[in-house]
Amino acid sequence: MMGSWLAVGFAAVAFFSTVAGGLTALRWPGRVQALAALAGGVVLGAAFFDLLPDAIDRAATLHLSTQLPVGASLIGFLSFYTLERFLHHHHREDEGPDRAGLFGASGFVVHSVFDGLAIGLGFRVDTTLGLLVAIAVIGHDFSDGLNTVSYLVTHGQPPGRSRWWLLADALAPLAGAVFASVVPVPPEVFPVAIGFFGGLFVYAASIILLPRAKELSPQTALPLTLGGATAMFLITRLA
């Protein structure tokens, strides 16, 4: 029960992180690169120092093939890559200003639901894993909010409608966390699910976050990214 409350609580923090990202896109569009560089390191660190090793260890403990979580990680990465390419193709088919960009924005909301599922599942496994996953999700949900608003504004949507989509994107992790906290999950599912979310995190960092920091100089971007990854490494060692 405590894990469920923690999952919902941290998903609520992710709500505010998403809103902050969206408002930043509306008010200060030129100040997001440094945060993206830092968050990219945090999310990569969570994937490689915590999620994937934990998934492999749990598979071995359950006498499952350790290739299962590795394959699930690849499937997670490719699933969201395919979704992103699909959305990129179909946003061109939107007709008129009322629909422009809405198909793509719905994809960001789906992504955020999976973020909430990751938090809920993490706390179902143990508190330490849940905390580490929540930190990574909160870090990159800032970018999710920013991306949602930027995408809609770029496609001609008014700020008012963009704010409603931002609210939907911010609420999505809460829905995912509640669902993952109450639905029974067999132990054999955990290694595969954790591996899948590890692939999602690698995708979020390498395809969404770090490219946003490309306008920064290497002297600025690299220390931020390495600092974020190092911080997650230290947290996993001390946890």
C-alpha atoms as a PDB file:
ATOM      1  CA  MET A   1       0.000   0.000   0.000  1.00  0.00           C
ATOM      2  CA  MET A   2       2.822   2.414   0.870  1.00  0.00           C
ATOM      3  CA  GLY A   3       4.407   1.724  -2.521  1.00  0.00           C
ATOM      4  CA  SER A   4       1.156   2.639  -4.263  1.00  0.00           C
ATOM      5  CA  TRP A   5       0.941   5.952  -2.422  1.00  0.00           C
ATOM      6  CA  LEU A   6       4.584   6.712  -3.206  1.00  0.00           C
ATOM      7  CA  ALA A   7       4.011   5.918  -6.883  1.00  0.00           C
ATOM      8  CA  VAL A   8       1.037   8.270  -7.072  1.00  0.00           C
ATOM      9  CA  GLY A   9       2.922  10.941  -5.118  1.00  0.00           C
ATOM     10  CA  PHE A  10       5.909  10.907  -7.444  1.00  0.00           C
ATOM     11  CA  ALA A  11       3.617  10.799 -10.468  1.00  0.00           C
ATOM     12  CA  ALA A  12       2.101  14.006  -9.074  1.00  0.00           C
ATOM     13  CA  VAL A  13       5.596  15.528  -9.020  1.00  0.00           C
ATOM     14  CA  ALA A  14       5.951  14.420 -12.651  1.00  0.00           C
ATOM     15  CA  PHE A  15       2.699  16.307 -13.318  1.00  0.00           C
ATOM     16  CA  PHE A  16       4.303  19.563 -12.163  1.00  0.00           C
ATOM     17  CA  SER A  17       7.501  18.799 -14.082  1.00  0.00           C
ATOM     18  CA  THR A  18       5.488  18.358 -17.282  1.00  0.00           C
ATOM     19  CA  VAL A  19       3.561  21.585 -16.679  1.00  0.00           C
ATOM     20  CA  ALA A  20       6.806  23.451 -16.004  1.00  0.00           C
ATOM     21  CA  GLY A  21       8.233  22.220 -19.298  1.00  0.00           C
ATOM     22  CA  GLY A  22       5.168  23.313 -21.231  1.00  0.00           C
ATOM     23  CA  LEU A  23       5.083  26.760 -19.639  1.00  0.00           C
ATOM     24  CA  THR A  24       8.789  27.168 -20.354  1.00  0.00           C
ATOM     25  CA  ALA A  25       8.114  26.465 -24.024  1.00  0.00           C
ATOM     26  CA  LEU A  26       5.424  29.154 -24.026  1.00  0.00           C
ATOM     27  CA  ARG A  27       7.307  31.830 -22.075  1.00  0.00           C
ATOM     28  CA  TRP A  28      11.067  31.177 -22.304  1.00  0.00           C
ATOM     29  CA  PRO A  29      11.677  29.077 -25.417  1.00  0.00           C
ATOM     30  CA  GLY A  30      15.414  29.818 -25.461  1.00  0.00           C
ATOM     31  CA  ARG A  31      16.298  28.414 -22.034  1.00  0.00           C
ATOM     32  CA  VAL A  32      15.681  24.698 -22.323  1.00  0.00           C
ATOM     33  CA  GLN A  33      18.862  23.284 -23.863  1.00  0.00           C
ATOM     34  CA  ALA A  34      20.833  23.086 -20.621  1.00  0.00           C
ATOM     35  CA  LEU A  35      17.993  21.313 -18.816  1.00  0.00           C
ATOM     36  CA  ALA A  36      17.675  18.850 -21.708  1.00  0.00           C
ATOM     37  CA  ALA A  37      21.403  18.056 -21.542  1.00  0.00           C
ATOM     38  CA  LEU A  38      21.228  17.400 -17.805  1.00  0.00           C
ATOM     39  CA  ALA A  39      18.019  15.356 -18.023  1.00  0.00           C
ATOM     40  CA  GLY A  40      19.475  13.284 -20.863  1.00  0.00           C
ATOM     41  CA  GLY A  41      22.334  12.197 -18.628  1.00  0.00           C
ATOM     42  CA  VAL A  42      19.990  11.420 -15.736  1.00  0.00           C
ATOM     43  CA  VAL A  43      17.697   9.270 -17.888  1.00  0.00           C
ATOM     44  CA  LEU A  44      20.572   7.382 -19.545  1.00  0.00           C
ATOM     45  CA  GLY A  45      22.099   6.770 -16.133  1.00  0.00           C
ATOM     46  CA  ALA A  46      18.826   5.374 -14.814  1.00  0.00           C
ATOM     47  CA  ALA A  47      18.539   3.010 -17.788  1.00  0.00           C
ATOM     48  CA  PHE A  48      22.089   1.642 -17.799  1.00  0.00           C
ATOM     49  CA  PHE A  49      22.998   1.764 -14.111  1.00  0.00           C
ATOM     50  CA  ASP A  50      19.676   0.664 -12.619  1.00  0.00           C
ATOM     51  CA  LEU A  51      16.847  -0.561 -14.832  1.00  0.00           C
ATOM     52  CA  LEU A  52      18.714  -2.912 -17.168  1.00  0.00           C
ATOM     53  CA  PRO A  53      21.010  -4.464 -14.508  1.00  0.00           C
ATOM     54  CA  ASP A  54      18.010  -4.940 -12.216  1.00  0.00           C
ATOM     55  CA  ALA A  55      15.975  -6.580 -14.978  1.00  0.00           C
ATOM     56  CA  ILE A  56      18.815  -8.997 -15.795  1.00  0.00           C
ATOM     57  CA  ASP A  57      19.359  -9.869 -12.126  1.00  0.00           C
ATOM     58  CA  ARG A  58      15.663 -10.552 -11.601  1.00  0.00           C
ATOM     59  CA  ALA A  59      15.518 -12.752 -14.705  1.00  0.00           C
ATOM     60  CA  ALA A  60      18.443 -14.800 -13.389  1.00  0.00           C
ATOM     61  CA  THR A  61      16.839 -15.114  -9.947  1.00  0.00           C
ATOM     62  CA  LEU A  62      13.637 -16.434 -11.529  1.00  0.00           C
ATOM     63  CA  HIS A  63      15.677 -18.850 -13.717  1.00  0.00           C
ATOM     64  CA  LEU A  64      14.613 -17.025 -16.858  1.00  0.00           C
ATOM     65  CA  SER A  65      16.872 -16.316 -19.796  1.00  0.00           C
ATOM     66  CA  THR A  66      18.786 -13.077 -19.268  1.00  0.00           C
ATOM     67  CA  GLN A  67      18.183 -12.385 -22.947  1.00  0.00           C
ATOM     68  CA  LEU A  68      14.515 -11.711 -22.175  1.00  0.00           C
ATOM     69  CA  PRO A  69      15.007  -8.294 -20.520  1.00  0.00           C
ATOM     70  CA  VAL A  70      17.669  -7.372 -23.085  1.00  0.00           C
ATOM     71  CA  GLY A  71      15.270  -8.194 -25.912  1.00  0.00           C
ATOM     72  CA  ALA A  72      12.479  -6.344 -24.122  1.00  0.00           C
ATOM     73  CA  SER A  73      14.729  -3.282 -23.921  1.00  0.00           C
ATOM     74  CA  LEU A  74      15.278  -3.377 -27.670  1.00  0.00           C
ATOM     75  CA  ILE A  75      11.547  -3.800 -28.239  1.00  0.00           C
ATOM     76  CA  GLY A  76      10.868  -0.819 -25.964  1.00  0.00           C
ATOM     77  CA  PHE A  77      13.286   1.377 -27.901  1.00  0.00           C
ATOM     78  CA  LEU A  78      12.005   0.280 -31.318  1.00  0.00           C
ATOM     79  CA  SER A  79       8.350   0.533 -30.281  1.00  0.00           C
ATOM     80  CA  PHE A  80       8.635   4.212 -29.453  1.00  0.00           C
ATOM     81  CA  TYR A  81      10.912   4.875 -32.409  1.00  0.00           C
ATOM     82  CA  THR A  82       8.265   3.332 -34.680  1.00  0.00           C
ATOM     83  CA  LEU A  83       5.512   5.322 -32.972  1.00  0.00           C
ATOM     84  CA  GLU A  84       7.489   8.547 -33.425  1.00  0.00           C
ATOM     85  CA  ARG A  85       8.074   7.855 -37.128  1.00  0.00           C
ATOM     86  CA  PHE A  86       4.404   6.964 -37.590  1.00  0.00           C
ATOM     87  CA  LEU A  87       3.297  10.202 -35.949  1.00  0.00           C
ATOM     88  CA  HIS A  88       5.811  12.220 -37.962  1.00  0.00           C
ATOM     89  CA  HIS A  89       4.385  10.763 -41.168  1.00  0.00           C
ATOM     90  CA  HIS A  90       0.728  11.163 -40.287  1.00  0.00           C
ATOM     91  CA  HIS A  91       0.872  14.707 -38.918  1.00  0.00           C
ATOM     92  CA  ARG A  92       1.284  15.776 -42.542  1.00  0.00           C
ATOM     93  CA  GLU A  93      -2.161  14.361 -43.237  1.00  0.00           C
ATOM     94  CA  ASP A  94      -3.864  16.590 -40.676  1.00  0.00           C
ATOM     95  CA  GLU A  95      -6.329  18.862 -42.418  1.00  0.00           C
ATOM     96  CA  GLY A  96      -6.832  22.459 -41.381  1.00  0.00           C
ATOM     97  CA  PRO A  97      -5.708  24.396 -38.333  1.00  0.00           C
ATOM     98  CA  ASP A  98      -8.179  22.638 -36.026  1.00  0.00           C
ATOM     99  CA  ARG A  99      -6.435  19.272 -36.474  1.00  0.00           C
ATOM    100  CA  ALA A 100      -2.859  20.248 -37.226  1.00  0.00           C
ATOM    101  CA  GLY A 101      -0.461  18.598 -34.798  1.00  0.00           C
ATOM    102  CA  LEU A 102      -3.157  16.940 -32.672  1.00  0.00           C
ATOM    103  CA  PHE A 103      -2.269  13.426 -33.812  1.00  0.00           C
ATOM    104  CA  GLY A 104       1.334  13.971 -32.777  1.00  0.00           C
ATOM    105  CA  ALA A 105       0.323  15.503 -29.450  1.00  0.00           C
ATOM    106  CA  SER A 106      -1.695  12.386 -28.661  1.00  0.00           C
ATOM    107  CA  GLY A 107       1.517  10.403 -29.071  1.00  0.00           C
ATOM    108  CA  PHE A 108       3.191  12.461 -26.343  1.00  0.00           C
ATOM    109  CA  VAL A 109       0.257  11.702 -24.046  1.00  0.00           C
ATOM    110  CA  VAL A 110       0.616   7.953 -24.694  1.00  0.00           C
ATOM    111  CA  HIS A 111       4.337   8.246 -23.945  1.00  0.00           C
ATOM    112  CA  SER A 112       3.527   9.905 -20.630  1.00  0.00           C
ATOM    113  CA  VAL A 113       1.124   7.114 -19.671  1.00  0.00           C
ATOM    114  CA  PHE A 114       4.044   4.704 -20.030  1.00  0.00           C
ATOM    115  CA  ASP A 115       6.119   6.965 -17.785  1.00  0.00           C
ATOM    116  CA  GLY A 116       3.492   6.557 -15.084  1.00  0.00           C
ATOM    117  CA  LEU A 117       3.390   2.798 -15.632  1.00  0.00           C
ATOM    118  CA  ALA A 118       7.162   2.718 -15.123  1.00  0.00           C
ATOM    119  CA  ILE A 119       6.854   4.579 -11.804  1.00  0.00           C
ATOM    120  CA  GLY A 120       4.053   2.336 -10.562  1.00  0.00           C
ATOM    121  CA  LEU A 121       5.846  -0.836 -11.606  1.00  0.00           C
ATOM    122  CA  GLY A 122       9.086   0.362 -10.021  1.00  0.00           C
ATOM    123  CA  PHE A 123       7.460   0.811  -6.629  1.00  0.00           C
ATOM    124  CA  ARG A 124       5.767  -2.586  -7.001  1.00  0.00           C
ATOM    125  CA  VAL A 125       9.262  -4.120  -7.232  1.00  0.00           C
ATOM    126  CA  ASP A 126      10.862  -2.175  -4.358  1.00  0.00           C
ATOM    127  CA  THR A 127      11.099   1.364  -3.014  1.00  0.00           C
ATOM    128  CA  THR A 128      14.663   1.970  -4.203  1.00  0.00           C
ATOM    129  CA  LEU A 129      13.886   1.059  -7.806  1.00  0.00           C
ATOM    130  CA  GLY A 130      10.717   3.135  -7.671  1.00  0.00           C
ATOM    131  CA  LEU A 131      12.617   6.188  -6.446  1.00  0.00           C
ATOM    132  CA  LEU A 132      15.273   5.894  -9.150  1.00  0.00           C
ATOM    133  CA  VAL A 133      12.692   5.450 -11.890  1.00  0.00           C
ATOM    134  CA  ALA A 134      10.675   8.381 -10.536  1.00  0.00           C
ATOM    135  CA  ILE A 135      13.739  10.661 -10.561  1.00  0.00           C
ATOM    136  CA  ALA A 136      14.424   9.789 -14.194  1.00  0.00           C
ATOM    137  CA  VAL A 137      10.787  10.233 -15.217  1.00  0.00           C
ATOM    138  CA  ILE A 138      10.497  13.585 -13.458  1.00  0.00           C
ATOM    139  CA  GLY A 139      13.659  14.703 -15.250  1.00  0.00           C
ATOM    140  CA  HIS A 140      12.483  13.862 -18.729  1.00  0.00           C
ATOM    141  CA  ASP A 141       8.812  14.759 -18.220  1.00  0.00           C
ATOM    142  CA  PHE A 142       9.947  18.380 -18.257  1.00  0.00           C
ATOM    143  CA  SER A 143      10.947  17.721 -21.851  1.00  0.00           C
ATOM    144  CA  ASP A 144       7.654  15.929 -22.544  1.00  0.00           C
ATOM    145  CA  GLY A 145       5.706  19.038 -21.584  1.00  0.00           C
ATOM    146  CA  LEU A 146       8.050  21.229 -23.567  1.00  0.00           C
ATOM    147  CA  ASN A 147       7.782  18.971 -26.628  1.00  0.00           C
ATOM    148  CA  THR A 148       3.990  18.800 -26.482  1.00  0.00           C
ATOM    149  CA  VAL A 149       3.546  22.565 -26.444  1.00  0.00           C
ATOM    150  CA  SER A 150       6.335  23.243 -28.948  1.00  0.00           C
ATOM    151  CA  TYR A 151       4.889  20.684 -31.355  1.00  0.00           C
ATOM    152  CA  LEU A 152       1.400  22.181 -31.218  1.00  0.00           C
ATOM    153  CA  VAL A 153       2.527  25.802 -31.472  1.00  0.00           C
ATOM    154  CA  THR A 154       4.756  24.900 -34.427  1.00  0.00           C
ATOM    155  CA  HIS A 155       1.713  23.433 -36.173  1.00  0.00           C
ATOM    156  CA  GLY A 156      -0.340  26.578 -35.681  1.00  0.00           C
ATOM    157  CA  GLN A 157      -2.365  25.670 -32.608  1.00  0.00           C
ATOM    158  CA  PRO A 158      -3.293  28.608 -30.333  1.00  0.00           C
ATOM    159  CA  PRO A 159      -1.721  28.773 -26.847  1.00  0.00           C
ATOM    160  CA  GLY A 160      -5.092  28.067 -25.212  1.00  0.00           C
ATOM    161  CA  ARG A 161      -5.520  24.711 -26.944  1.00  0.00           C
ATOM    162  CA  SER A 162      -1.859  23.889 -26.324  1.00  0.00           C
ATOM    163  CA  ARG A 163      -2.440  24.370 -22.589  1.00  0.00           C
ATOM    164  CA  TRP A 164      -5.293  21.836 -22.616  1.00  0.00           C
ATOM    165  CA  TRP A 165      -3.064  19.276 -24.307  1.00  0.00           C
ATOM    166  CA  LEU A 166      -0.335  20.103 -21.805  1.00  0.00           C
ATOM    167  CA  LEU A 167      -2.792  19.316 -18.997  1.00  0.00           C
ATOM    168  CA  ALA A 168      -3.644  15.963 -20.609  1.00  0.00           C
ATOM    169  CA  ASP A 169       0.052  15.158 -20.970  1.00  0.00           C
ATOM    170  CA  ALA A 170       0.699  16.102 -17.336  1.00  0.00           C
ATOM    171  CA  LEU A 171      -2.184  13.956 -16.032  1.00  0.00           C
ATOM    172  CA  ALA A 172      -1.136  10.913 -18.061  1.00  0.00           C
ATOM    173  CA  PRO A 173       1.652   9.745 -15.666  1.00  0.00           C
ATOM    174  CA  LEU A 174      -0.837   9.832 -12.793  1.00  0.00           C
ATOM    175  CA  ALA A 175      -3.187   7.561 -14.718  1.00  0.00           C
ATOM    176  CA  GLY A 176      -0.362   5.177 -15.562  1.00  0.00           C
ATOM    177  CA  ALA A 177       0.944   5.070 -11.986  1.00  0.00           C
ATOM    178  CA  VAL A 178      -2.505   4.331 -10.533  1.00  0.00           C
ATOM    179  CA  PHE A 179      -3.093   1.565 -13.080  1.00  0.00           C
ATOM    180  CA  ALA A 180       0.281  -0.091 -12.425  1.00  0.00           C
ATOM    181  CA  SER A 181      -0.251   0.139  -8.662  1.00  0.00           C
ATOM    182  CA  VAL A 182      -3.597  -1.681  -8.561  1.00  0.00           C
ATOM    183  CA  VAL A 183      -3.395  -4.274 -11.366  1.00  0.00           C
ATOM    184  CA  PRO A 184      -1.894  -7.639 -10.274  1.00  0.00           C
ATOM    185  CA  VAL A 185       1.432  -8.402 -11.993  1.00  0.00           C
ATOM    186  CA  PRO A 186       3.033 -11.909 -11.920  1.00  0.00           C
ATOM    187  CA  PRO A 187       6.707 -11.923 -10.794  1.00  0.00           C
ATOM    188  CA  GLU A 188       7.819 -13.274 -14.182  1.00  0.00           C
ATOM    189  CA  VAL A 189       6.565 -10.109 -15.858  1.00  0.00           C
ATOM    190  CA  PHE A 190       8.827  -7.760 -13.885  1.00  0.00           C
ATOM    191  CA  PRO A 191      12.163  -8.501 -15.660  1.00  0.00           C
ATOM    192  CA  VAL A 192      10.563  -8.098 -19.081  1.00  0.00           C
ATOM    193  CA  ALA A 193       8.628  -4.957 -18.126  1.00  0.00           C
ATOM    194  CA  ILE A 194      11.636  -3.328 -16.455  1.00  0.00           C
ATOM    195  CA  GLY A 195      13.747  -4.108 -19.522  1.00  0.00           C
ATOM    196  CA  PHE A 196      11.068  -2.606 -21.771  1.00  0.00           C
ATOM    197  CA  PHE A 197      11.034   0.617 -19.776  1.00  0.00           C
ATOM    198  CA  GLY A 198      14.833   0.665 -19.874  1.00  0.00           C
ATOM    199  CA  GLY A 199      14.583   0.765 -23.666  1.00  0.00           C
ATOM    200  CA  LEU A 200      12.000   3.542 -23.402  1.00  0.00           C
ATOM    201  CA  PHE A 201      14.390   5.567 -21.249  1.00  0.00           C
ATOM    202  CA  VAL A 202      17.256   5.093 -23.719  1.00  0.00           C
ATOM    203  CA  TYR A 203      14.926   6.289 -26.471  1.00  0.00           C
ATOM    204  CA  ALA A 204      13.800   9.332 -24.481  1.00  0.00           C
ATOM    205  CA  ALA A 205      17.388  10.362 -23.758  1.00  0.00           C
ATOM    206  CA  SER A 206      18.991   9.706 -27.131  1.00  0.00           C
ATOM    207  CA  ILE A 207      16.166  10.728 -29.475  1.00  0.00           C
ATOM    208  CA  ILE A 208      14.285  13.405 -27.507  1.00  0.00           C
ATOM    209  CA  LEU A 209      16.442  14.995 -24.800  1.00  0.00           C
ATOM    210  CA  LEU A 210      20.036  15.096 -26.025  1.00  0.00           C
ATOM    211  CA  PRO A 211      19.187  16.384 -29.538  1.00  0.00           C
ATOM    212  CA  ARG A 212      17.558  19.400 -27.855  1.00  0.00           C
ATOM    213  CA  ALA A 213      20.946  20.296 -26.377  1.00  0.00           C
ATOM    214  CA  LYS A 214      22.795  20.293 -29.702  1.00  0.00           C
ATOM    215  CA  GLU A 215      22.866  24.096 -29.864  1.00  0.00           C
ATOM    216  CA  LEU A 216      24.953  24.231 -26.676  1.00  0.00           C
ATOM    217  CA  SER A 217      28.725  24.246 -26.937  1.00  0.00           C
ATOM    218  CA  PRO A 218      30.439  20.932 -26.066  1.00  0.00           C
ATOM    219  CA  GLN A 219      32.084  22.677 -23.102  1.00  0.00           C
ATOM    220  CA  THR A 220      28.606  23.281 -21.670  1.00  0.00           C
ATOM    221  CA  ALA A 221      26.604  20.254 -22.825  1.00  0.00           C
ATOM    222  CA  LEU A 222      29.054  17.460 -22.021  1.00  0.00           C
ATOM    223  CA  PRO A 223      29.614  18.354 -18.341  1.00  0.00           C
ATOM    224  CA  LEU A 224      25.850  18.610 -17.821  1.00  0.00           C
ATOM    225  CA  THR A 225      25.133  15.251 -19.459  1.00  0.00           C
ATOM    226  CA  LEU A 226      28.047  13.490 -17.774  1.00  0.00           C
ATOM    227  CA  GLY A 227      27.072  15.092 -14.479  1.00  0.00           C
ATOM    228  CA  GLY A 228      23.522  13.777 -14.758  1.00  0.00           C
ATOM    229  CA  ALA A 229      24.708  10.259 -15.604  1.00  0.00           C
ATOM    230  CA  THR A 230      27.321  10.317 -12.832  1.00  0.00           C
ATOM    231  CA  ALA A 231      24.731  11.453 -10.304  1.00  0.00           C
ATOM    232  CA  MET A 232      22.515   8.483 -11.174  1.00  0.00           C
ATOM    233  CA  PHE A 233      25.508   6.129 -10.932  1.00  0.00           C
ATOM    234  CA  LEU A 234      26.313   7.395  -7.454  1.00  0.00           C
ATOM    235  CA  ILE A 235      22.678   7.180  -6.369  1.00  0.00           C
ATOM    236  CA  THR A 236      22.424   3.559  -7.524  1.00  0.00           C
ATOM    237  CA  ARG A 237      25.622   2.656  -5.664  1.00  0.00           C
ATOM    238  CA  LEU A 238      24.494   4.333  -2.446  1.00  0.00           C
ATOM    239  CA  ALA A 239      20.871   3.146  -2.562  1.00  0.00           C
END
